[in-house]
Structure formats: C-alpha cells, structure tokens
Amino acid sequence: MDFPEVFTNSNRFLIVDNETKERIDTHIAATKRCLNLRAFAMARIHLAIALKLNPDSAEAVDLAGVLADVDFL
C-alpha cells in the first residue's frame, strides 16, 4: 500500500498523493531542463505549475531562486 507523502510548513500539513508527487517531479525536471537550455520563459511556466501543486517544495523554491538569478545575468 502506498502512503501519500506529507510536506510540512510551520503549522500546516499538505498531503500529496503519489500521482501529484510524480507531476511535481516531472515539472521540476522540466524546469531544470529548460534552465540548461536557457529557455527561461518555459522554465518559469513549469516552475509555476510545480509551485502551484506544492508551494512548500524546497526544490521548487530553490529553483525559483536560480531562475531569478539567471534572469538578471
């Protein structure tokens, strides 16, 4: 039996089922791929979807910082 993953942020809990976790991972991977290709507009789209699915994702928040840095270069 698969149990959903639990993400925490301060006093709230966000329960993400396995299908949603896979979607988040897919969009995070697409964000990284777009960053490597310097396709920043597409990276922002994939990152926005990942953050909408799980705003508490440390990896997505980290990628947002990376994207903000490269936008200023």
PDB file of N, CA and C in Angstrom:
ATOM      1  N   MET A   1       0.842  -1.179   0.000  1.00  0.00           N
ATOM      2  CA  MET A   1       0.000   0.000   0.000  1.00  0.00           C
ATOM      3  C   MET A   1       0.885   1.239   0.000  1.00  0.00           C
ATOM      4  N   ASP A   2       0.616   2.154  -0.919  1.00  0.00           N
ATOM      5  CA  ASP A   2       1.374   3.396  -0.993  1.00  0.00           C
ATOM      6  C   ASP A   2       0.720   4.449  -0.124  1.00  0.00           C
ATOM      7  N   PHE A   3       1.538   5.107   0.669  1.00  0.00           N
ATOM      8  CA  PHE A   3       1.038   6.178   1.515  1.00  0.00           C
ATOM      9  C   PHE A   3       1.414   7.513   0.896  1.00  0.00           C
ATOM     10  N   PRO A   4       0.532   8.500   0.997  1.00  0.00           N
ATOM     11  CA  PRO A   4       0.878   9.809   0.444  1.00  0.00           C
ATOM     12  C   PRO A   4       2.011  10.447   1.237  1.00  0.00           C
ATOM     13  N   GLU A   5       2.781  11.258   0.542  1.00  0.00           N
ATOM     14  CA  GLU A   5       3.866  11.969   1.193  1.00  0.00           C
ATOM     15  C   GLU A   5       3.302  13.189   1.902  1.00  0.00           C
ATOM     16  N   VAL A   6       3.873  13.516   3.022  1.00  0.00           N
ATOM     17  CA  VAL A   6       3.397  14.659   3.795  1.00  0.00           C
ATOM     18  C   VAL A   6       4.476  15.737   3.778  1.00  0.00           C
ATOM     19  N   PHE A   7       4.112  16.919   3.318  1.00  0.00           N
ATOM     20  CA  PHE A   7       5.006  18.063   3.327  1.00  0.00           C
ATOM     21  C   PHE A   7       4.539  18.990   4.434  1.00  0.00           C
ATOM     22  N   THR A   8       5.465  19.545   5.173  1.00  0.00           N
ATOM     23  CA  THR A   8       5.077  20.423   6.269  1.00  0.00           C
ATOM     24  C   THR A   8       5.588  21.833   6.029  1.00  0.00           C
ATOM     25  N   ASN A   9       4.859  22.779   6.534  1.00  0.00           N
ATOM     26  CA  ASN A   9       5.276  24.172   6.538  1.00  0.00           C
ATOM     27  C   ASN A   9       4.658  24.800   7.770  1.00  0.00           C
ATOM     28  N   SER A  10       5.477  25.113   8.747  1.00  0.00           N
ATOM     29  CA  SER A  10       5.071  25.661  10.043  1.00  0.00           C
ATOM     30  C   SER A  10       3.970  24.812  10.657  1.00  0.00           C
ATOM     31  N   ASN A  11       2.775  25.340  10.799  1.00  0.00           N
ATOM     32  CA  ASN A  11       1.703  24.625  11.493  1.00  0.00           C
ATOM     33  C   ASN A  11       0.724  23.921  10.567  1.00  0.00           C
ATOM     34  N   ARG A  12       1.011  23.886   9.288  1.00  0.00           N
ATOM     35  CA  ARG A  12       0.055  23.239   8.382  1.00  0.00           C
ATOM     36  C   ARG A  12       0.698  22.037   7.710  1.00  0.00           C
ATOM     37  N   PHE A  13      -0.132  21.125   7.268  1.00  0.00           N
ATOM     38  CA  PHE A  13       0.331  19.938   6.571  1.00  0.00           C
ATOM     39  C   PHE A  13      -0.319  19.889   5.206  1.00  0.00           C
ATOM     40  N   LEU A  14       0.484  19.578   4.213  1.00  0.00           N
ATOM     41  CA  LEU A  14      -0.029  19.413   2.861  1.00  0.00           C
ATOM     42  C   LEU A  14       0.212  17.960   2.478  1.00  0.00           C
ATOM     43  N   ILE A  15      -0.841  17.227   2.243  1.00  0.00           N
ATOM     44  CA  ILE A  15      -0.722  15.821   1.878  1.00  0.00           C
ATOM     45  C   ILE A  15      -0.788  15.725   0.367  1.00  0.00           C
ATOM     46  N   VAL A  16       0.246  15.116  -0.208  1.00  0.00           N
ATOM     47  CA  VAL A  16       0.356  14.992  -1.657  1.00  0.00           C
ATOM     48  C   VAL A  16       0.328  13.515  -2.004  1.00  0.00           C
ATOM     49  N   ASP A  17      -0.623  13.125  -2.853  1.00  0.00           N
ATOM     50  CA  ASP A  17      -0.679  11.723  -3.252  1.00  0.00           C
ATOM     51  C   ASP A  17       0.442  11.415  -4.244  1.00  0.00           C
ATOM     52  N   ASN A  18       0.641  10.154  -4.522  1.00  0.00           N
ATOM     53  CA  ASN A  18       1.751   9.731  -5.372  1.00  0.00           C
ATOM     54  C   ASN A  18       1.653  10.295  -6.782  1.00  0.00           C
ATOM     55  N   GLU A  19       0.442  10.384  -7.329  1.00  0.00           N
ATOM     56  CA  GLU A  19       0.266  10.921  -8.675  1.00  0.00           C
ATOM     57  C   GLU A  19       0.665  12.399  -8.728  1.00  0.00           C
ATOM     58  N   THR A  20       0.254  13.153  -7.722  1.00  0.00           N
ATOM     59  CA  THR A  20       0.619  14.570  -7.666  1.00  0.00           C
ATOM     60  C   THR A  20       2.117  14.723  -7.476  1.00  0.00           C
ATOM     61  N   LYS A  21       2.727  13.877  -6.646  1.00  0.00           N
ATOM     62  CA  LYS A  21       4.173  13.924  -6.436  1.00  0.00           C
ATOM     63  C   LYS A  21       4.903  13.679  -7.748  1.00  0.00           C
ATOM     64  N   GLU A  22       4.419  12.750  -8.556  1.00  0.00           N
ATOM     65  CA  GLU A  22       5.025  12.480  -9.859  1.00  0.00           C
ATOM     66  C   GLU A  22       4.890  13.691 -10.781  1.00  0.00           C
ATOM     67  N   ARG A  23       3.735  14.352 -10.745  1.00  0.00           N
ATOM     68  CA  ARG A  23       3.544  15.554 -11.567  1.00  0.00           C
ATOM     69  C   ARG A  23       4.499  16.663 -11.133  1.00  0.00           C
ATOM     70  N   ILE A  24       4.659  16.834  -9.827  1.00  0.00           N
ATOM     71  CA  ILE A  24       5.593  17.840  -9.312  1.00  0.00           C
ATOM     72  C   ILE A  24       7.006  17.520  -9.793  1.00  0.00           C
ATOM     73  N   ASP A  25       7.418  16.272  -9.641  1.00  0.00           N
ATOM     74  CA  ASP A  25       8.761  15.856 -10.061  1.00  0.00           C
ATOM     75  C   ASP A  25       8.971  16.065 -11.560  1.00  0.00           C
ATOM     76  N   THR A  26       7.935  15.799 -12.343  1.00  0.00           N
ATOM     77  CA  THR A  26       8.026  15.999 -13.797  1.00  0.00           C
ATOM     78  C   THR A  26       8.244  17.469 -14.131  1.00  0.00           C
ATOM     79  N   HIS A  27       7.498  18.351 -13.473  1.00  0.00           N
ATOM     80  CA  HIS A  27       7.641  19.780 -13.757  1.00  0.00           C
ATOM     81  C   HIS A  27       8.961  20.339 -13.217  1.00  0.00           C
ATOM     82  N   ILE A  28       9.448  19.807 -12.124  1.00  0.00           N
ATOM     83  CA  ILE A  28      10.750  20.232 -11.614  1.00  0.00           C
ATOM     84  C   ILE A  28      11.850  19.789 -12.587  1.00  0.00           C
ATOM     85  N   ALA A  29      11.759  18.563 -13.089  1.00  0.00           N
ATOM     86  CA  ALA A  29      12.743  18.085 -14.067  1.00  0.00           C
ATOM     87  C   ALA A  29      12.683  18.923 -15.345  1.00  0.00           C
ATOM     88  N   ALA A  30      11.472  19.270 -15.778  1.00  0.00           N
ATOM     89  CA  ALA A  30      11.320  20.109 -16.971  1.00  0.00           C
ATOM     90  C   ALA A  30      11.896  21.501 -16.734  1.00  0.00           C
ATOM     91  N   THR A  31      11.726  22.020 -15.524  1.00  0.00           N
ATOM     92  CA  THR A  31      12.304  23.325 -15.188  1.00  0.00           C
ATOM     93  C   THR A  31      13.816  23.273 -15.305  1.00  0.00           C
ATOM     94  N   LYS A  32      14.427  22.235 -14.758  1.00  0.00           N
ATOM     95  CA  LYS A  32      15.889  22.095 -14.829  1.00  0.00           C
ATOM     96  C   LYS A  32      16.364  21.968 -16.274  1.00  0.00           C
ATOM     97  N   ARG A  33      15.627  21.189 -17.063  1.00  0.00           N
ATOM     98  CA  ARG A  33      15.989  21.005 -18.469  1.00  0.00           C
ATOM     99  C   ARG A  33      15.921  22.336 -19.220  1.00  0.00           C
ATOM    100  N   CYS A  34      14.864  23.105 -18.962  1.00  0.00           N
ATOM    101  CA  CYS A  34      14.707  24.409 -19.616  1.00  0.00           C
ATOM    102  C   CYS A  34      15.795  25.383 -19.180  1.00  0.00           C
ATOM    103  N   LEU A  35      16.169  25.352 -17.908  1.00  0.00           N
ATOM    104  CA  LEU A  35      17.259  26.209 -17.437  1.00  0.00           C
ATOM    105  C   LEU A  35      18.558  25.867 -18.157  1.00  0.00           C
ATOM    106  N   ASN A  36      18.840  24.587 -18.316  1.00  0.00           N
ATOM    107  CA  ASN A  36      20.053  24.167 -19.017  1.00  0.00           C
ATOM    108  C   ASN A  36      20.051  24.605 -20.476  1.00  0.00           C
ATOM    109  N   LEU A  37      18.868  24.659 -21.075  1.00  0.00           N
ATOM    110  CA  LEU A  37      18.738  25.082 -22.469  1.00  0.00           C
ATOM    111  C   LEU A  37      18.586  26.597 -22.595  1.00  0.00           C
ATOM    112  N   ARG A  38      18.591  27.290 -21.460  1.00  0.00           N
ATOM    113  CA  ARG A  38      18.410  28.742 -21.401  1.00  0.00           C
ATOM    114  C   ARG A  38      17.038  29.168 -21.957  1.00  0.00           C
ATOM    115  N   ALA A  39      16.060  28.289 -21.811  1.00  0.00           N
ATOM    116  CA  ALA A  39      14.673  28.577 -22.203  1.00  0.00           C
ATOM    117  C   ALA A  39      13.945  29.055 -20.950  1.00  0.00           C
ATOM    118  N   PHE A  40      14.249  30.290 -20.552  1.00  0.00           N
ATOM    119  CA  PHE A  40      13.799  30.791 -19.259  1.00  0.00           C
ATOM    120  C   PHE A  40      12.288  30.969 -19.170  1.00  0.00           C
ATOM    121  N   ALA A  41      11.639  31.344 -20.261  1.00  0.00           N
ATOM    122  CA  ALA A  41      10.184  31.514 -20.240  1.00  0.00           C
ATOM    123  C   ALA A  41       9.494  30.175 -19.968  1.00  0.00           C
ATOM    124  N   MET A  42       9.962  29.122 -20.622  1.00  0.00           N
ATOM    125  CA  MET A  42       9.371  27.797 -20.394  1.00  0.00           C
ATOM    126  C   MET A  42       9.708  27.291 -18.995  1.00  0.00           C
ATOM    127  N   ALA A  43      10.902  27.611 -18.507  1.00  0.00           N
ATOM    128  CA  ALA A  43      11.281  27.213 -17.147  1.00  0.00           C
ATOM    129  C   ALA A  43      10.333  27.838 -16.141  1.00  0.00           C
ATOM    130  N   ARG A  44       9.994  29.111 -16.349  1.00  0.00           N
ATOM    131  CA  ARG A  44       9.057  29.790 -15.439  1.00  0.00           C
ATOM    132  C   ARG A  44       7.683  29.128 -15.446  1.00  0.00           C
ATOM    133  N   ILE A  45       7.238  28.691 -16.611  1.00  0.00           N
ATOM    134  CA  ILE A  45       5.921  28.031 -16.709  1.00  0.00           C
ATOM    135  C   ILE A  45       5.921  26.724 -15.923  1.00  0.00           C
ATOM    136  N   HIS A  46       6.930  25.879 -16.154  1.00  0.00           N
ATOM    137  CA  HIS A  46       6.995  24.592 -15.439  1.00  0.00           C
ATOM    138  C   HIS A  46       7.157  24.805 -13.938  1.00  0.00           C
ATOM    139  N   LEU A  47       7.956  25.792 -13.562  1.00  0.00           N
ATOM    140  CA  LEU A  47       8.164  26.067 -12.151  1.00  0.00           C
ATOM    141  C   LEU A  47       6.880  26.567 -11.490  1.00  0.00           C
ATOM    142  N   ALA A  48       6.134  27.404 -12.184  1.00  0.00           N
ATOM    143  CA  ALA A  48       4.869  27.910 -11.632  1.00  0.00           C
ATOM    144  C   ALA A  48       3.894  26.765 -11.388  1.00  0.00           C
ATOM    145  N   ILE A  49       3.858  25.801 -12.290  1.00  0.00           N
ATOM    146  CA  ILE A  49       2.966  24.646 -12.109  1.00  0.00           C
ATOM    147  C   ILE A  49       3.414  23.821 -10.906  1.00  0.00           C
ATOM    148  N   ALA A  50       4.722  23.571 -10.802  1.00  0.00           N
ATOM    149  CA  ALA A  50       5.242  22.798  -9.665  1.00  0.00           C
ATOM    150  C   ALA A  50       4.922  23.496  -8.347  1.00  0.00           C
ATOM    151  N   LEU A  51       5.096  24.813  -8.306  1.00  0.00           N
ATOM    152  CA  LEU A  51       4.815  25.557  -7.076  1.00  0.00           C
ATOM    153  C   LEU A  51       3.321  25.610  -6.768  1.00  0.00           C
ATOM    154  N   LYS A  52       2.496  25.623  -7.805  1.00  0.00           N
ATOM    155  CA  LYS A  52       1.045  25.603  -7.570  1.00  0.00           C
ATOM    156  C   LYS A  52       0.626  24.254  -6.974  1.00  0.00           C
ATOM    157  N   LEU A  53       1.251  23.176  -7.450  1.00  0.00           N
ATOM    158  CA  LEU A  53       0.937  21.844  -6.928  1.00  0.00           C
ATOM    159  C   LEU A  53       1.427  21.670  -5.497  1.00  0.00           C
ATOM    160  N   ASN A  54       2.595  22.262  -5.192  1.00  0.00           N
ATOM    161  CA  ASN A  54       3.132  22.173  -3.833  1.00  0.00           C
ATOM    162  C   ASN A  54       3.987  23.400  -3.544  1.00  0.00           C
ATOM    163  N   PRO A  55       3.382  24.434  -2.976  1.00  0.00           N
ATOM    164  CA  PRO A  55       4.138  25.656  -2.680  1.00  0.00           C
ATOM    165  C   PRO A  55       5.201  25.457  -1.604  1.00  0.00           C
ATOM    166  N   ASP A  56       5.195  24.336  -0.917  1.00  0.00           N
ATOM    167  CA  ASP A  56       6.167  24.059   0.143  1.00  0.00           C
ATOM    168  C   ASP A  56       7.365  23.250  -0.351  1.00  0.00           C
ATOM    169  N   SER A  57       7.439  22.997  -1.653  1.00  0.00           N
ATOM    170  CA  SER A  57       8.534  22.202  -2.201  1.00  0.00           C
ATOM    171  C   SER A  57       9.839  22.984  -2.113  1.00  0.00           C
ATOM    172  N   ALA A  58      10.767  22.466  -1.317  1.00  0.00           N
ATOM    173  CA  ALA A  58      12.063  23.133  -1.148  1.00  0.00           C
ATOM    174  C   ALA A  58      12.822  23.190  -2.470  1.00  0.00           C
ATOM    175  N   GLU A  59      12.728  22.133  -3.253  1.00  0.00           N
ATOM    176  CA  GLU A  59      13.441  22.108  -4.532  1.00  0.00           C
ATOM    177  C   GLU A  59      12.877  23.141  -5.498  1.00  0.00           C
ATOM    178  N   ALA A  60      11.545  23.274  -5.535  1.00  0.00           N
ATOM    179  CA  ALA A  60      10.923  24.260  -6.421  1.00  0.00           C
ATOM    180  C   ALA A  60      11.266  25.677  -5.980  1.00  0.00           C
ATOM    181  N   VAL A  61      11.266  25.926  -4.686  1.00  0.00           N
ATOM    182  CA  VAL A  61      11.621  27.255  -4.173  1.00  0.00           C
ATOM    183  C   VAL A  61      13.081  27.562  -4.499  1.00  0.00           C
ATOM    184  N   ASP A  62      13.942  26.569  -4.367  1.00  0.00           N
ATOM    185  CA  ASP A  62      15.354  26.744  -4.708  1.00  0.00           C
ATOM    186  C   ASP A  62      15.513  27.076  -6.194  1.00  0.00           C
ATOM    187  N   LEU A  63      14.775  26.370  -7.044  1.00  0.00           N
ATOM    188  CA  LEU A  63      14.833  26.648  -8.480  1.00  0.00           C
ATOM    189  C   LEU A  63      14.309  28.044  -8.804  1.00  0.00           C
ATOM    190  N   ALA A  64      13.341  28.518  -8.038  1.00  0.00           N
ATOM    191  CA  ALA A  64      12.854  29.885  -8.231  1.00  0.00           C
ATOM    192  C   ALA A  64      13.975  30.881  -7.985  1.00  0.00           C
ATOM    193  N   GLY A  65      14.810  30.622  -6.986  1.00  0.00           N
ATOM    194  CA  GLY A  65      15.959  31.477  -6.727  1.00  0.00           C
ATOM    195  C   GLY A  65      16.976  31.422  -7.850  1.00  0.00           C
ATOM    196  N   VAL A  66      17.211  30.225  -8.377  1.00  0.00           N
ATOM    197  CA  VAL A  66      18.133  30.070  -9.507  1.00  0.00           C
ATOM    198  C   VAL A  66      17.600  30.831 -10.718  1.00  0.00           C
ATOM    199  N   LEU A  67      16.326  30.679 -10.985  1.00  0.00           N
ATOM    200  CA  LEU A  67      15.720  31.366 -12.128  1.00  0.00           C
ATOM    201  C   LEU A  67      15.785  32.877 -11.968  1.00  0.00           C
ATOM    202  N   ALA A  68      15.569  33.351 -10.766  1.00  0.00           N
ATOM    203  CA  ALA A  68      15.665  34.801 -10.517  1.00  0.00           C
ATOM    204  C   ALA A  68      17.092  35.282 -10.761  1.00  0.00           C
ATOM    205  N   ASP A  69      18.084  34.494 -10.366  1.00  0.00           N
ATOM    206  CA  ASP A  69      19.487  34.876 -10.581  1.00  0.00           C
ATOM    207  C   ASP A  69      19.843  34.935 -12.067  1.00  0.00           C
ATOM    208  N   VAL A  70      19.434  33.946 -12.829  1.00  0.00           N
ATOM    209  CA  VAL A  70      19.809  33.928 -14.249  1.00  0.00           C
ATOM    210  C   VAL A  70      19.050  34.963 -15.055  1.00  0.00           C
ATOM    211  N   ASP A  71      17.891  35.371 -14.580  1.00  0.00           N
ATOM    212  CA  ASP A  71      17.131  36.420 -15.277  1.00  0.00           C
ATOM    213  C   ASP A  71      17.860  37.756 -15.218  1.00  0.00           C
ATOM    214  N   PHE A  72      18.727  37.933 -14.232  1.00  0.00           N
ATOM    215  CA  PHE A  72      19.436  39.205 -14.082  1.00  0.00           C
ATOM    216  C   PHE A  72      20.813  39.179 -14.725  1.00  0.00           C
ATOM    217  N   LEU A  73      21.224  38.047 -15.271  1.00  0.00           N
ATOM    218  CA  LEU A  73      22.549  37.978 -15.904  1.00  0.00           C
ATOM    219  C   LEU A  73      22.518  38.525 -17.308  1.00  0.00           C
TER     220      LEU A  73
END
